[in-house]
C-alpha atoms as a PDB file:
ATOM      1  CA  MET A   1      38.534   9.403  38.442  1.00  0.00           C
ATOM      2  CA  THR A   2      41.971  10.949  38.554  1.00  0.00           C
ATOM      3  CA  PRO A   3      43.957  10.878  41.810  1.00  0.00           C
ATOM      4  CA  ASP A   4      46.085  13.765  42.970  1.00  0.00           C
ATOM      5  CA  ILE A   5      49.713  12.674  42.483  1.00  0.00           C
ATOM      6  CA  ALA A   6      52.329  14.758  44.242  1.00  0.00           C
ATOM      7  CA  ILE A   7      55.874  14.448  45.585  1.00  0.00           C
ATOM      8  CA  VAL A   8      55.811  14.245  49.368  1.00  0.00           C
ATOM      9  CA  PRO A   9      58.336  15.123  52.112  1.00  0.00           C
ATOM     10  CA  ALA A  10      60.226  12.473  54.071  1.00  0.00           C
ATOM     11  CA  SER A  11      57.803  12.898  56.972  1.00  0.00           C
ATOM     12  CA  GLU A  12      55.138  11.167  54.832  1.00  0.00           C
ATOM     13  CA  TRP A  13      57.366   8.292  53.718  1.00  0.00           C
ATOM     14  CA  PRO A  14      56.253   5.857  56.464  1.00  0.00           C
ATOM     15  CA  GLU A  15      52.704   5.780  55.082  1.00  0.00           C
ATOM     16  CA  LEU A  16      54.037   5.065  51.586  1.00  0.00           C
ATOM     17  CA  ILE A  17      56.430   2.399  52.849  1.00  0.00           C
ATOM     18  CA  ALA A  18      53.502   0.709  54.587  1.00  0.00           C
ATOM     19  CA  LEU A  19      51.629   0.744  51.256  1.00  0.00           C
ATOM     20  CA  PHE A  20      54.551  -0.930  49.465  1.00  0.00           C
ATOM     21  CA  GLU A  21      54.827  -3.540  52.195  1.00  0.00           C
ATOM     22  CA  ARG A  22      51.090  -4.244  51.923  1.00  0.00           C
ATOM     23  CA  CYS A  23      51.493  -4.820  48.186  1.00  0.00           C
ATOM     24  CA  ASN A  24      54.466  -7.110  48.834  1.00  0.00           C
ATOM     25  CA  ARG A  25      52.397  -9.287  51.150  1.00  0.00           C
ATOM     26  CA  THR A  26      49.398  -9.380  48.810  1.00  0.00           C
ATOM     27  CA  ASP A  27      51.421 -10.267  45.700  1.00  0.00           C
ATOM     28  CA  SER A  28      54.216 -12.345  47.330  1.00  0.00           C
ATOM     29  CA  ILE A  29      56.855 -10.019  45.884  1.00  0.00           C
ATOM     30  CA  GLU A  30      59.562  -7.690  47.153  1.00  0.00           C
ATOM     31  CA  LEU A  31      59.467  -4.299  45.491  1.00  0.00           C
ATOM     32  CA  PRO A  32      62.933  -2.688  45.274  1.00  0.00           C
ATOM     33  CA  LEU A  33      62.623  -0.041  47.958  1.00  0.00           C
ATOM     34  CA  TYR A  34      66.107   1.279  48.746  1.00  0.00           C
ATOM     35  CA  LEU A  35      66.217   4.232  51.102  1.00  0.00           C
ATOM     36  CA  ASN A  36      69.996   4.209  51.743  1.00  0.00           C
ATOM     37  CA  THR A  37      71.062   4.786  48.152  1.00  0.00           C
ATOM     38  CA  ASP A  38      73.708   7.124  46.743  1.00  0.00           C
ATOM     39  CA  LEU A  39      71.125   9.890  46.584  1.00  0.00           C
ATOM     40  CA  ALA A  40      67.909   9.800  48.580  1.00  0.00           C
ATOM     41  CA  PRO A  41      64.976   8.667  46.413  1.00  0.00           C
ATOM     42  CA  THR A  42      62.012  10.875  45.622  1.00  0.00           C
ATOM     43  CA  MET A  43      58.656   9.570  46.772  1.00  0.00           C
ATOM     44  CA  ALA A  44      55.226  10.567  45.512  1.00  0.00           C
ATOM     45  CA  ALA A  45      51.742   9.757  46.761  1.00  0.00           C
ATOM     46  CA  ALA A  46      48.505   9.277  44.821  1.00  0.00           C
ATOM     47  CA  ARG A  47      45.442  10.239  46.822  1.00  0.00           C
ATOM     48  CA  PHE A  48      41.715  10.655  46.554  1.00  0.00           C
ATOM     49  CA  GLY A  49      41.192  13.282  49.207  1.00  0.00           C
ATOM     50  CA  ASP A  50      42.894  11.951  52.333  1.00  0.00           C
ATOM     51  CA  THR A  51      42.940   8.348  51.097  1.00  0.00           C
ATOM     52  CA  LEU A  52      46.288   7.018  49.897  1.00  0.00           C
ATOM     53  CA  VAL A  53      45.684   4.784  46.872  1.00  0.00           C
ATOM     54  CA  GLY A  54      49.106   4.513  45.253  1.00  0.00           C
ATOM     55  CA  GLY A  55      52.734   5.490  45.468  1.00  0.00           C
ATOM     56  CA  ILE A  56      55.900   6.042  43.473  1.00  0.00           C
ATOM     57  CA  VAL A  57      59.534   5.728  44.501  1.00  0.00           C
ATOM     58  CA  MET A  58      61.948   7.340  42.041  1.00  0.00           C
ATOM     59  CA  TYR A  59      65.708   6.844  41.917  1.00  0.00           C
ATOM     60  CA  GLY A  60      67.800   9.297  39.934  1.00  0.00           C
ATOM     61  CA  TYR A  61      66.835  12.665  38.519  1.00  0.00           C
ATOM     62  CA  PHE A  62      67.378  12.815  34.741  1.00  0.00           C
ATOM     63  CA  ALA A  63      67.420   9.034  34.296  1.00  0.00           C
ATOM     64  CA  ILE A  64      64.512   8.016  36.530  1.00  0.00           C
ATOM     65  CA  GLU A  65      64.068   4.439  37.718  1.00  0.00           C
ATOM     66  CA  ALA A  66      60.617   4.277  39.259  1.00  0.00           C
ATOM     67  CA  VAL A  67      58.810   1.704  41.388  1.00  0.00           C
ATOM     68  CA  ILE A  68      55.031   2.019  41.547  1.00  0.00           C
ATOM     69  CA  ALA A  69      52.458   0.473  43.836  1.00  0.00           C
ATOM     70  CA  VAL A  70      48.665   0.589  43.887  1.00  0.00           C
ATOM     71  CA  ASP A  71      46.748  -0.312  47.018  1.00  0.00           C
ATOM     72  CA  PRO A  72      45.158  -3.746  46.435  1.00  0.00           C
ATOM     73  CA  ALA A  73      41.728  -2.331  47.273  1.00  0.00           C
ATOM     74  CA  TRP A  74      42.060   0.306  44.528  1.00  0.00           C
ATOM     75  CA  ARG A  75      43.307  -1.745  41.600  1.00  0.00           C
ATOM     76  CA  ARG A  76      41.739  -2.073  38.133  1.00  0.00           C
ATOM     77  CA  ARG A  77      40.735   1.589  38.124  1.00  0.00           C
ATOM     78  CA  GLY A  78      43.532   2.939  35.924  1.00  0.00           C
ATOM     79  CA  ILE A  79      45.610   4.250  38.817  1.00  0.00           C
ATOM     80  CA  GLY A  80      48.713   2.304  37.803  1.00  0.00           C
ATOM     81  CA  ARG A  81      48.561   3.763  34.291  1.00  0.00           C
ATOM     82  CA  GLN A  82      48.243   7.269  35.730  1.00  0.00           C
ATOM     83  CA  LEU A  83      51.251   6.710  37.985  1.00  0.00           C
ATOM     84  CA  VAL A  84      53.370   5.605  35.011  1.00  0.00           C
ATOM     85  CA  ASP A  85      52.140   8.545  32.931  1.00  0.00           C
ATOM     86  CA  GLN A  86      53.094  10.931  35.734  1.00  0.00           C
ATOM     87  CA  VAL A  87      56.607   9.472  35.908  1.00  0.00           C
ATOM     88  CA  ALA A  88      56.909   9.993  32.138  1.00  0.00           C
ATOM     89  CA  ARG A  89      55.768  13.621  32.475  1.00  0.00           C
ATOM     90  CA  TRP A  90      58.289  14.325  35.229  1.00  0.00           C
ATOM     91  CA  ALA A  91      61.074  12.776  33.143  1.00  0.00           C
ATOM     92  CA  GLN A  92      60.057  14.754  30.070  1.00  0.00           C
ATOM     93  CA  ALA A  93      60.004  18.007  32.065  1.00  0.00           C
ATOM     94  CA  ARG A  94      63.575  17.301  33.198  1.00  0.00           C
ATOM     95  CA  GLY A  95      64.726  16.392  29.710  1.00  0.00           C
ATOM     96  CA  GLY A  96      65.502  12.887  30.906  1.00  0.00           C
ATOM     97  CA  SER A  97      64.455   9.264  30.543  1.00  0.00           C
ATOM     98  CA  TRP A  98      62.468   6.838  32.674  1.00  0.00           C
ATOM     99  CA  LEU A  99      62.055   3.166  33.483  1.00  0.00           C
ATOM    100  CA  VAL A 100      59.691   1.254  35.741  1.00  0.00           C
ATOM    101  CA  LEU A 101      61.175  -1.486  37.943  1.00  0.00           C
ATOM    102  CA  ALA A 102      59.076  -4.547  38.738  1.00  0.00           C
ATOM    103  CA  ASP A 103      59.570  -7.803  40.627  1.00  0.00           C
ATOM    104  CA  GLU A 104      59.234 -10.448  37.919  1.00  0.00           C
ATOM    105  CA  ALA A 105      57.565 -12.794  40.424  1.00  0.00           C
ATOM    106  CA  GLY A 106      54.452 -10.617  40.362  1.00  0.00           C
ATOM    107  CA  ALA A 107      51.615 -12.231  38.437  1.00  0.00           C
ATOM    108  CA  CYS A 108      50.285  -8.840  37.313  1.00  0.00           C
ATOM    109  CA  VAL A 109      53.571  -7.565  35.825  1.00  0.00           C
ATOM    110  CA  ALA A 110      53.240  -9.059  32.329  1.00  0.00           C
ATOM    111  CA  PRO A 111      49.569  -8.097  31.750  1.00  0.00           C
ATOM    112  CA  PHE A 112      50.171  -4.620  33.196  1.00  0.00           C
ATOM    113  CA  ALA A 113      53.169  -4.058  30.910  1.00  0.00           C
ATOM    114  CA  ALA A 114      51.207  -5.311  27.898  1.00  0.00           C
ATOM    115  CA  ALA A 115      48.257  -3.040  28.667  1.00  0.00           C
ATOM    116  CA  LEU A 116      50.540  -0.003  28.797  1.00  0.00           C
ATOM    117  CA  ASP A 117      52.669  -1.093  25.825  1.00  0.00           C
ATOM    118  CA  LEU A 118      55.769  -1.300  28.028  1.00  0.00           C
ATOM    119  CA  GLN A 119      58.652  -3.483  26.949  1.00  0.00           C
ATOM    120  CA  ARG A 120      61.054  -5.309  29.231  1.00  0.00           C
ATOM    121  CA  LEU A 121      64.392  -3.712  28.393  1.00  0.00           C
ATOM    122  CA  ASN A 122      66.626  -5.462  30.892  1.00  0.00           C
ATOM    123  CA  VAL A 123      66.604  -7.681  33.983  1.00  0.00           C
ATOM    124  CA  GLU A 124      68.672  -7.152  37.121  1.00  0.00           C
ATOM    125  CA  VAL A 125      69.116 -10.170  39.378  1.00  0.00           C
ATOM    126  CA  LEU A 126      69.360  -9.618  43.123  1.00  0.00           C
ATOM    127  CA  LEU A 127      71.460 -12.299  44.797  1.00  0.00           C
ATOM    128  CA  HIS A 128      71.737 -13.104  48.516  1.00  0.00           C
ATOM    129  CA  LEU A 129      74.809 -14.615  50.095  1.00  0.00           C
ATOM    130  CA  ASP A 130      74.472 -18.127  51.498  1.00  0.00           C
ATOM    131  CA  PRO A 131      77.240 -18.210  54.144  1.00  0.00           C
ATOM    132  CA  ALA A 132      77.368 -22.006  53.928  1.00  0.00           C
ATOM    133  CA  GLN A 133      78.362 -21.769  50.256  1.00  0.00           C
ATOM    134  CA  VAL A 134      81.174 -19.243  50.646  1.00  0.00           C
ATOM    135  CA  PRO A 135      84.412 -21.001  49.690  1.00  0.00           C
ATOM    136  CA  PRO A 136      87.465 -20.712  51.922  1.00  0.00           C
ATOM    137  CA  LEU A 137      90.009 -18.067  51.095  1.00  0.00           C
ATOM    138  CA  PRO A 138      92.602 -19.374  48.658  1.00  0.00           C
ATOM    139  CA  ALA A 139      96.299 -19.024  49.321  1.00  0.00           C
ATOM    140  CA  LEU A 140      96.788 -15.273  49.022  1.00  0.00           C
ATOM    141  CA  PRO A 141      99.692 -13.778  47.120  1.00  0.00           C
ATOM    142  CA  PRO A 142     102.234 -12.416  49.622  1.00  0.00           C
ATOM    143  CA  ASN A 143     101.921  -8.950  48.116  1.00  0.00           C
ATOM    144  CA  TRP A 144      98.086  -8.912  48.160  1.00  0.00           C
ATOM    145  CA  HIS A 145      96.451  -6.402  50.523  1.00  0.00           C
ATOM    146  CA  VAL A 146      92.843  -5.350  51.095  1.00  0.00           C
ATOM    147  CA  ARG A 147      91.958  -2.196  53.003  1.00  0.00           C
ATOM    148  CA  LEU A 148      89.140   0.270  53.580  1.00  0.00           C
ATOM    149  CA  ALA A 149      89.476   3.480  51.606  1.00  0.00           C
ATOM    150  CA  GLU A 150      89.988   6.728  53.481  1.00  0.00           C
ATOM    151  CA  THR A 151      88.923  10.193  52.374  1.00  0.00           C
ATOM    152  CA  ASP A 152      92.312  10.907  50.790  1.00  0.00           C
ATOM    153  CA  ASP A 153      91.889   7.796  48.604  1.00  0.00           C
ATOM    154  CA  ALA A 154      89.195   9.519  46.523  1.00  0.00           C
ATOM    155  CA  ALA A 155      91.475   9.986  43.506  1.00  0.00           C
ATOM    156  CA  VAL A 156      92.580   6.331  43.616  1.00  0.00           C
ATOM    157  CA  VAL A 157      89.007   5.051  43.839  1.00  0.00           C
ATOM    158  CA  THR A 158      87.926   7.390  41.034  1.00  0.00           C
ATOM    159  CA  ALA A 159      90.717   6.189  38.752  1.00  0.00           C
ATOM    160  CA  ILE A 160      89.871   2.501  39.241  1.00  0.00           C
ATOM    161  CA  ILE A 161      86.125   2.951  38.706  1.00  0.00           C
ATOM    162  CA  ALA A 162      86.531   5.199  35.653  1.00  0.00           C
ATOM    163  CA  ASP A 163      88.985   2.750  34.087  1.00  0.00           C
ATOM    164  CA  ALA A 164      86.982  -0.392  34.928  1.00  0.00           C
ATOM    165  CA  PHE A 165      83.647   0.902  33.644  1.00  0.00           C
ATOM    166  CA  GLY A 166      84.802   3.395  31.012  1.00  0.00           C
ATOM    167  CA  ASP A 167      82.827   6.204  32.651  1.00  0.00           C
ATOM    168  CA  PRO A 168      83.739   9.919  32.366  1.00  0.00           C
ATOM    169  CA  VAL A 169      86.259  10.799  35.066  1.00  0.00           C
ATOM    170  CA  GLU A 170      84.478  14.000  36.104  1.00  0.00           C
ATOM    171  CA  LYS A 171      81.212  12.141  36.768  1.00  0.00           C
ATOM    172  CA  VAL A 172      82.943   9.364  38.701  1.00  0.00           C
ATOM    173  CA  GLU A 173      84.876  11.960  40.674  1.00  0.00           C
ATOM    174  CA  ALA A 174      81.656  13.660  41.803  1.00  0.00           C
ATOM    175  CA  PHE A 175      80.079  10.299  42.647  1.00  0.00           C
ATOM    176  CA  VAL A 176      83.072   9.185  44.739  1.00  0.00           C
ATOM    177  CA  ALA A 177      83.250  12.551  46.507  1.00  0.00           C
ATOM    178  CA  ASP A 178      79.610  12.169  47.567  1.00  0.00           C
ATOM    179  CA  CYS A 179      80.047   8.591  48.798  1.00  0.00           C
ATOM    180  CA  ILE A 180      83.467   8.555  50.413  1.00  0.00           C
ATOM    181  CA  THR A 181      82.431  10.956  53.192  1.00  0.00           C
ATOM    182  CA  ASN A 182      79.056   9.266  53.751  1.00  0.00           C
ATOM    183  CA  PRO A 183      79.152   6.786  56.667  1.00  0.00           C
ATOM    184  CA  VAL A 184      76.632   4.521  54.922  1.00  0.00           C
ATOM    185  CA  HIS A 185      79.148   3.887  52.124  1.00  0.00           C
ATOM    186  CA  ARG A 186      82.607   2.346  52.426  1.00  0.00           C
ATOM    187  CA  PHE A 187      84.925   1.638  49.538  1.00  0.00           C
ATOM    188  CA  VAL A 188      87.224  -1.383  49.787  1.00  0.00           C
ATOM    189  CA  ILE A 189      90.471  -1.361  47.809  1.00  0.00           C
ATOM    190  CA  GLY A 190      92.463  -4.389  46.664  1.00  0.00           C
ATOM    191  CA  GLU A 191      96.177  -3.787  46.112  1.00  0.00           C
ATOM    192  CA  ILE A 192      98.905  -5.906  44.576  1.00  0.00           C
ATOM    193  CA  ALA A 193     102.475  -4.935  45.504  1.00  0.00           C
ATOM    194  CA  GLY A 194     101.121  -1.635  46.812  1.00  0.00           C
ATOM    195  CA  ILE A 195      99.341  -0.780  43.545  1.00  0.00           C
ATOM    196  CA  PRO A 196      95.522  -0.382  43.805  1.00  0.00           C
ATOM    197  CA  VAL A 197      93.932  -2.643  41.184  1.00  0.00           C
ATOM    198  CA  ALA A 198      90.334  -3.272  42.300  1.00  0.00           C
ATOM    199  CA  VAL A 199      87.576  -1.633  44.302  1.00  0.00           C
ATOM    200  CA  LEU A 200      84.085  -2.346  45.551  1.00  0.00           C
ATOM    201  CA  ARG A 201      81.588  -0.337  47.562  1.00  0.00           C
ATOM    202  CA  LEU A 202      79.619  -1.414  50.609  1.00  0.00           C
ATOM    203  CA  LEU A 203      76.246   0.123  51.486  1.00  0.00           C
ATOM    204  CA  ARG A 204      75.651  -0.797  55.097  1.00  0.00           C
ATOM    205  CA  ASP A 205      72.970  -0.480  57.723  1.00  0.00           C
ATOM    206  CA  GLU A 206      72.670  -2.301  61.036  1.00  0.00           C
ATOM    207  CA  GLN A 207      71.523  -5.572  59.476  1.00  0.00           C
ATOM    208  CA  ARG A 208      72.265  -5.560  55.749  1.00  0.00           C
ATOM    209  CA  VAL A 209      75.123  -4.965  53.341  1.00  0.00           C
ATOM    210  CA  MET A 210      74.744  -4.319  49.623  1.00  0.00           C
ATOM    211  CA  ILE A 211      77.852  -4.715  47.490  1.00  0.00           C
ATOM    212  CA  ALA A 212      78.031  -2.369  44.506  1.00  0.00           C
ATOM    213  CA  THR A 213      80.438  -0.500  42.187  1.00  0.00           C
ATOM    214  CA  PHE A 214      82.682  -3.548  41.885  1.00  0.00           C
ATOM    215  CA  GLY A 215      85.435  -3.148  39.314  1.00  0.00           C
ATOM    216  CA  VAL A 216      89.010  -4.062  38.378  1.00  0.00           C
ATOM    217  CA  ARG A 217      91.415  -1.992  36.288  1.00  0.00           C
ATOM    218  CA  ARG A 218      91.223  -3.190  32.688  1.00  0.00           C
ATOM    219  CA  GLU A 219      94.905  -4.088  32.406  1.00  0.00           C
ATOM    220  CA  GLN A 220      94.598  -6.202  35.577  1.00  0.00           C
ATOM    221  CA  GLN A 221      91.416  -8.057  34.647  1.00  0.00           C
ATOM    222  CA  GLY A 222      91.491 -11.822  34.189  1.00  0.00           C
ATOM    223  CA  ARG A 223      94.096 -12.369  36.920  1.00  0.00           C
ATOM    224  CA  GLY A 224      91.708 -13.263  39.736  1.00  0.00           C
ATOM    225  CA  TYR A 225      92.028  -9.989  41.630  1.00  0.00           C
ATOM    226  CA  GLY A 226      88.283  -9.326  41.532  1.00  0.00           C
ATOM    227  CA  ARG A 227      87.531 -12.735  43.030  1.00  0.00           C
ATOM    228  CA  LEU A 228      90.210 -12.214  45.686  1.00  0.00           C
ATOM    229  CA  LEU A 229      88.786  -8.823  46.647  1.00  0.00           C
ATOM    230  CA  LEU A 230      85.223 -10.153  46.801  1.00  0.00           C
ATOM    231  CA  LEU A 231      86.100 -13.256  48.837  1.00  0.00           C
ATOM    232  CA  THR A 232      88.341 -11.346  51.237  1.00  0.00           C
ATOM    233  CA  THR A 233      85.558  -8.815  51.802  1.00  0.00           C
ATOM    234  CA  LEU A 234      82.911 -11.516  52.306  1.00  0.00           C
ATOM    235  CA  HIS A 235      85.001 -13.344  54.912  1.00  0.00           C
ATOM    236  CA  ARG A 236      85.563 -10.099  56.793  1.00  0.00           C
ATOM    237  CA  LEU A 237      81.862  -9.191  56.703  1.00  0.00           C
ATOM    238  CA  LEU A 238      80.851 -12.631  57.980  1.00  0.00           C
ATOM    239  CA  ALA A 239      83.461 -12.410  60.754  1.00  0.00           C
ATOM    240  CA  ALA A 240      81.975  -9.029  61.717  1.00  0.00           C
ATOM    241  CA  GLY A 241      78.538 -10.637  62.134  1.00  0.00           C
ATOM    242  CA  TYR A 242      76.828  -9.609  58.883  1.00  0.00           C
ATOM    243  CA  THR A 243      74.721 -12.371  57.331  1.00  0.00           C
ATOM    244  CA  ASP A 244      72.332 -10.439  55.045  1.00  0.00           C
ATOM    245  CA  ILE A 245      74.735  -9.618  52.215  1.00  0.00           C
ATOM    246  CA  ARG A 246      73.444  -8.833  48.730  1.00  0.00           C
ATOM    247  CA  ILE A 247      74.672  -7.991  45.254  1.00  0.00           C
ATOM    248  CA  GLU A 248      72.972  -7.192  41.935  1.00  0.00           C
ATOM    249  CA  VAL A 249      73.981  -8.125  38.401  1.00  0.00           C
ATOM    250  CA  GLU A 250      72.508  -7.817  34.933  1.00  0.00           C
ATOM    251  CA  GLU A 251      71.007 -11.149  33.964  1.00  0.00           C
ATOM    252  CA  HIS A 252      73.076 -11.349  30.754  1.00  0.00           C
ATOM    253  CA  ASN A 253      76.386 -10.424  32.427  1.00  0.00           C
ATOM    254  CA  THR A 254      77.399 -14.087  32.490  1.00  0.00           C
ATOM    255  CA  PRO A 255      80.992 -13.702  33.788  1.00  0.00           C
ATOM    256  CA  ALA A 256      79.904 -11.610  36.782  1.00  0.00           C
ATOM    257  CA  TYR A 257      76.900 -13.861  37.419  1.00  0.00           C
ATOM    258  CA  HIS A 258      79.114 -16.959  37.525  1.00  0.00           C
ATOM    259  CA  LEU A 259      81.677 -15.216  39.745  1.00  0.00           C
ATOM    260  CA  TYR A 260      79.061 -14.240  42.320  1.00  0.00           C
ATOM    261  CA  GLN A 261      77.562 -17.726  42.385  1.00  0.00           C
ATOM    262  CA  ALA A 262      81.033 -19.244  42.776  1.00  0.00           C
ATOM    263  CA  CYS A 263      81.559 -16.994  45.797  1.00  0.00           C
ATOM    264  CA  GLY A 264      78.376 -18.163  47.550  1.00  0.00           C
ATOM    265  CA  PHE A 265      75.630 -15.907  46.211  1.00  0.00           C
ATOM    266  CA  VAL A 266      72.292 -17.410  45.167  1.00  0.00           C
ATOM    267  CA  PRO A 267      69.586 -15.754  43.026  1.00  0.00           C
ATOM    268  CA  TYR A 268      66.808 -14.208  45.090  1.00  0.00           C
ATOM    269  CA  ARG A 269      64.770 -11.806  42.938  1.00  0.00           C
ATOM    270  CA  ARG A 270      64.625 -10.763  39.289  1.00  0.00           C
ATOM    271  CA  TYR A 271      63.780  -7.120  38.649  1.00  0.00           C
ATOM    272  CA  GLY A 272      62.599  -6.202  35.183  1.00  0.00           C
ATOM    273  CA  GLN A 273      63.238  -2.737  33.773  1.00  0.00           C
ATOM    274  CA  TYR A 274      60.251  -1.661  31.683  1.00  0.00           C
ATOM    275  CA  GLY A 275      59.913   1.277  29.331  1.00  0.00           C
ATOM    276  CA  ARG A 276      59.211   2.296  25.762  1.00  0.00           C
ATOM    277  CA  ARG A 277      61.927   1.928  23.158  1.00  0.00           C
ATOM    278  CA  SER A 278      62.756   5.195  21.437  1.00  0.00           C
END
């Protein structure tokens, strides 16, 4: 049997979200379902008639990162394989690439990946802040200043990110332009003697903050400015009443991993990125 797999409008997202939550409870996992991302995800439903049996959440367009879920009552019928195959077809039609994201705590992840000949290409670690482990602010340099970016700071933010990550300026410029006017996103700039040297981005909702796009100008790295910016931001978020604060890091990015742990973050989930090596 082959389900009908189709992209659905936002009005049908609640049913899919409920499916993902049902899978989370059944498997004791937390699938990475981020609705307040830089660009809204694409969601697809797999159905037999009116019965929802599976779902896909896709982040990105040409480089797709997909999360799949199969209703526990409909497993072991090849639906998961068909969902992955559909993601691959969509990516191929767009001339792009694809990955499947999975919570490594799931007992079915390894056998599912083996059955589909998927290889784990990378692991992203999601860390949660433990407020009790956040160290006090150190003595701040007298010329150190942290502020929220305004719309006219777009060029400054772009320059720091492009330099820190080595990304093409035109792509970073478009990314910053999209985010800096979006109320969900706020950039935070760290300055030394009036010169912007570091930036991070906050994705906020009423209860949660995700820290992302955290970088320091290359010529200023190794001087502690990144740690100062992160700690200053964390203290301000905690003072504002936020307690659910998160950050992600590649498992093998040891310097960043150690920095986040030193600032009070503790590992929460490991998300494997699965695909087929070209």
